[in-house]
């Protein structure tokens, strides 16, 4: 992953944490 992808993923986790929990990330 690039640094941009990590930053975007952190934002998505804050907005929709349940989506990542369901995927097991």
N, C-alpha and C. Protein backbone atom coordinates (compact mmCIF):
# COMPACT_ATOMS: atom_id res chain seq x y z
N UNK A 1 0.84 -1.21 0.00
CA UNK A 1 0.00 0.00 0.00
C UNK A 1 0.86 1.25 0.00
N UNK A 2 0.39 2.27 -0.67
CA UNK A 2 1.12 3.54 -0.66
C UNK A 2 0.67 4.35 0.54
N UNK A 3 1.39 5.44 0.84
CA UNK A 3 1.02 6.26 2.00
C UNK A 3 -0.37 6.87 1.80
N UNK A 4 -0.69 7.22 0.56
CA UNK A 4 -2.01 7.81 0.29
C UNK A 4 -3.11 6.81 0.59
N UNK A 5 -2.91 5.55 0.18
CA UNK A 5 -3.93 4.53 0.42
C UNK A 5 -4.14 4.32 1.92
N UNK A 6 -3.04 4.36 2.68
CA UNK A 6 -3.15 4.17 4.14
C UNK A 6 -3.93 5.33 4.74
N UNK A 7 -3.66 6.56 4.28
CA UNK A 7 -4.37 7.72 4.82
C UNK A 7 -5.85 7.65 4.49
N UNK A 8 -6.17 7.24 3.25
CA UNK A 8 -7.57 7.13 2.85
C UNK A 8 -8.26 6.05 3.67
N UNK A 9 -7.55 4.93 3.88
CA UNK A 9 -8.15 3.83 4.64
C UNK A 9 -8.44 4.27 6.07
N UNK A 10 -7.54 5.06 6.67
CA UNK A 10 -7.77 5.53 8.04
C UNK A 10 -9.01 6.40 8.09
N UNK A 11 -9.22 7.23 7.07
CA UNK A 11 -10.41 8.10 7.03
C UNK A 11 -11.67 7.24 6.89
N UNK A 12 -11.61 6.23 6.00
CA UNK A 12 -12.77 5.36 5.82
C UNK A 12 -13.10 4.61 7.09
N UNK A 13 -12.07 4.19 7.83
CA UNK A 13 -12.32 3.46 9.09
C UNK A 13 -13.05 4.36 10.07
N UNK A 14 -12.72 5.66 10.07
CA UNK A 14 -13.41 6.58 10.99
C UNK A 14 -14.84 6.81 10.55
N UNK A 15 -15.06 6.84 9.22
CA UNK A 15 -16.41 7.11 8.71
C UNK A 15 -17.28 5.86 8.78
N UNK A 16 -16.75 4.72 8.30
CA UNK A 16 -17.52 3.48 8.27
C UNK A 16 -16.72 2.34 8.90
N UNK A 17 -16.49 2.38 10.20
CA UNK A 17 -15.69 1.32 10.85
C UNK A 17 -16.34 -0.05 10.73
N UNK A 18 -17.67 -0.11 10.70
CA UNK A 18 -18.35 -1.41 10.66
C UNK A 18 -18.06 -2.13 9.34
N UNK A 19 -17.83 -1.38 8.25
CA UNK A 19 -17.54 -2.03 6.96
C UNK A 19 -16.24 -2.79 7.03
N UNK A 20 -15.25 -2.21 7.72
CA UNK A 20 -13.94 -2.86 7.80
C UNK A 20 -13.99 -4.01 8.80
N UNK A 21 -14.78 -3.85 9.85
CA UNK A 21 -14.87 -4.93 10.85
C UNK A 21 -15.51 -6.15 10.22
N UNK A 22 -16.51 -5.94 9.37
CA UNK A 22 -17.18 -7.08 8.72
C UNK A 22 -16.21 -7.80 7.79
N UNK A 23 -15.34 -7.04 7.13
CA UNK A 23 -14.37 -7.64 6.20
C UNK A 23 -13.21 -8.27 6.95
N UNK A 24 -13.12 -8.02 8.24
CA UNK A 24 -12.06 -8.61 9.05
C UNK A 24 -10.74 -7.86 8.92
N UNK A 25 -10.82 -6.58 8.50
CA UNK A 25 -9.56 -5.82 8.39
C UNK A 25 -9.26 -5.14 9.69
